[in-house]
Protein backbone atom coordinates (compact mmCIF):
# COMPACT_ATOMS: atom_id res chain seq x y z
CA MET A 1 2.17 9.39 14.11
CA ASN A 2 5.09 7.03 14.42
CA VAL A 3 6.93 6.76 11.07
CA TYR A 4 6.69 2.97 11.26
CA GLU A 5 2.90 3.33 11.20
CA SER A 6 3.15 5.17 7.86
CA LEU A 7 4.20 1.92 6.18
CA THR A 8 1.58 0.01 4.24
CA PRO A 9 0.67 -3.50 5.41
CA LYS A 10 2.69 -4.99 2.52
CA GLN A 11 5.71 -2.84 3.37
CA LYS A 12 5.48 -4.00 7.00
CA GLU A 13 5.31 -7.59 5.78
CA VAL A 14 8.42 -7.13 3.60
CA LEU A 15 10.25 -5.43 6.47
CA GLN A 16 9.26 -8.18 8.90
CA LEU A 17 10.62 -10.87 6.59
CA TYR A 18 13.84 -8.91 6.12
CA ALA A 19 14.16 -8.36 9.89
CA LEU A 20 13.79 -12.12 10.35
CA GLY A 21 16.83 -12.68 8.11
CA ASN A 22 15.31 -13.32 4.69
CA ASN A 23 17.03 -11.99 1.57
CA ARG A 24 15.27 -10.45 -1.45
CA LYS A 25 14.83 -13.75 -3.24
CA GLN A 26 13.38 -15.46 -0.17
CA ILE A 27 11.01 -12.55 0.48
CA ALA A 28 9.87 -12.60 -3.15
CA ASN A 29 9.22 -16.34 -3.01
CA LYS A 30 7.33 -16.15 0.30
CA LEU A 31 5.13 -13.26 -0.84
CA PHE A 32 4.71 -14.50 -4.44
CA ILE A 33 6.07 -11.24 -5.86
CA SER A 34 9.11 -10.45 -8.01
CA GLN A 35 12.49 -9.50 -6.59
CA THR A 36 12.08 -6.17 -8.40
CA THR A 37 8.89 -5.55 -6.44
CA VAL A 38 10.70 -6.44 -3.21
CA CYS A 39 13.40 -3.91 -4.11
CA SER A 40 10.74 -1.27 -4.76
CA HIS A 41 9.12 -1.96 -1.39
CA ILE A 42 12.48 -1.79 0.37
CA ALA A 43 13.35 1.51 -1.32
CA GLU A 44 10.01 2.99 -0.23
CA ILE A 45 10.45 1.60 3.31
CA LEU A 46 13.88 3.25 3.60
CA ASN A 47 12.46 6.51 2.26
CA LYS A 48 9.49 6.54 4.66
CA LEU A 49 11.65 5.62 7.66
CA CYS A 50 14.33 8.15 6.66
CA VAL A 51 17.14 5.60 6.89
CA ASP A 52 19.84 4.66 4.43
CA LYS A 53 20.35 0.98 5.26
CA LYS A 54 18.05 -2.01 5.52
CA GLU A 55 19.65 -2.92 8.84
CA LYS A 56 18.48 0.38 10.35
CA ALA A 57 14.97 -0.30 9.05
CA ALA A 58 15.10 -3.75 10.68
CA ILE A 59 16.00 -2.12 14.01
CA ILE A 60 12.99 0.18 13.67
CA TYR A 61 10.85 -2.88 12.95
CA TRP A 62 12.00 -4.62 16.14
CA GLN A 63 11.61 -1.44 18.22
CA ASN A 64 7.99 -1.22 17.07
CA ASN A 65 7.25 -4.89 17.61
CA ILE A 66 9.02 -5.57 20.92
CA GLU A 67 5.69 -6.22 22.66
CA LYS A 68 5.03 -9.11 20.28
CA LEU A 69 8.35 -10.64 21.31
CA LYS A 70 7.59 -10.18 25.00
CA ASN A 71 4.23 -11.90 24.55
CA LEU A 72 5.89 -14.90 22.89
CA ASN A 73 7.74 -15.61 26.12
CA ASN A 74 4.53 -15.72 28.19
């Protein structure tokens, strides 16, 4: 199994919003959760993906969702 697939749907949602350029406060507001909860999700995302920076996690997000981007251009 791809490590990205080990993320929960909520973790994928948080990662997607981060990869799209949102900060913690913006993610919290969009998902109607606290910034503390966002931080917890991010920490778990980094742990599951075995990376030490959010930027690396964002790269993994885009690598796993490149087909979605290709389909947007069609």
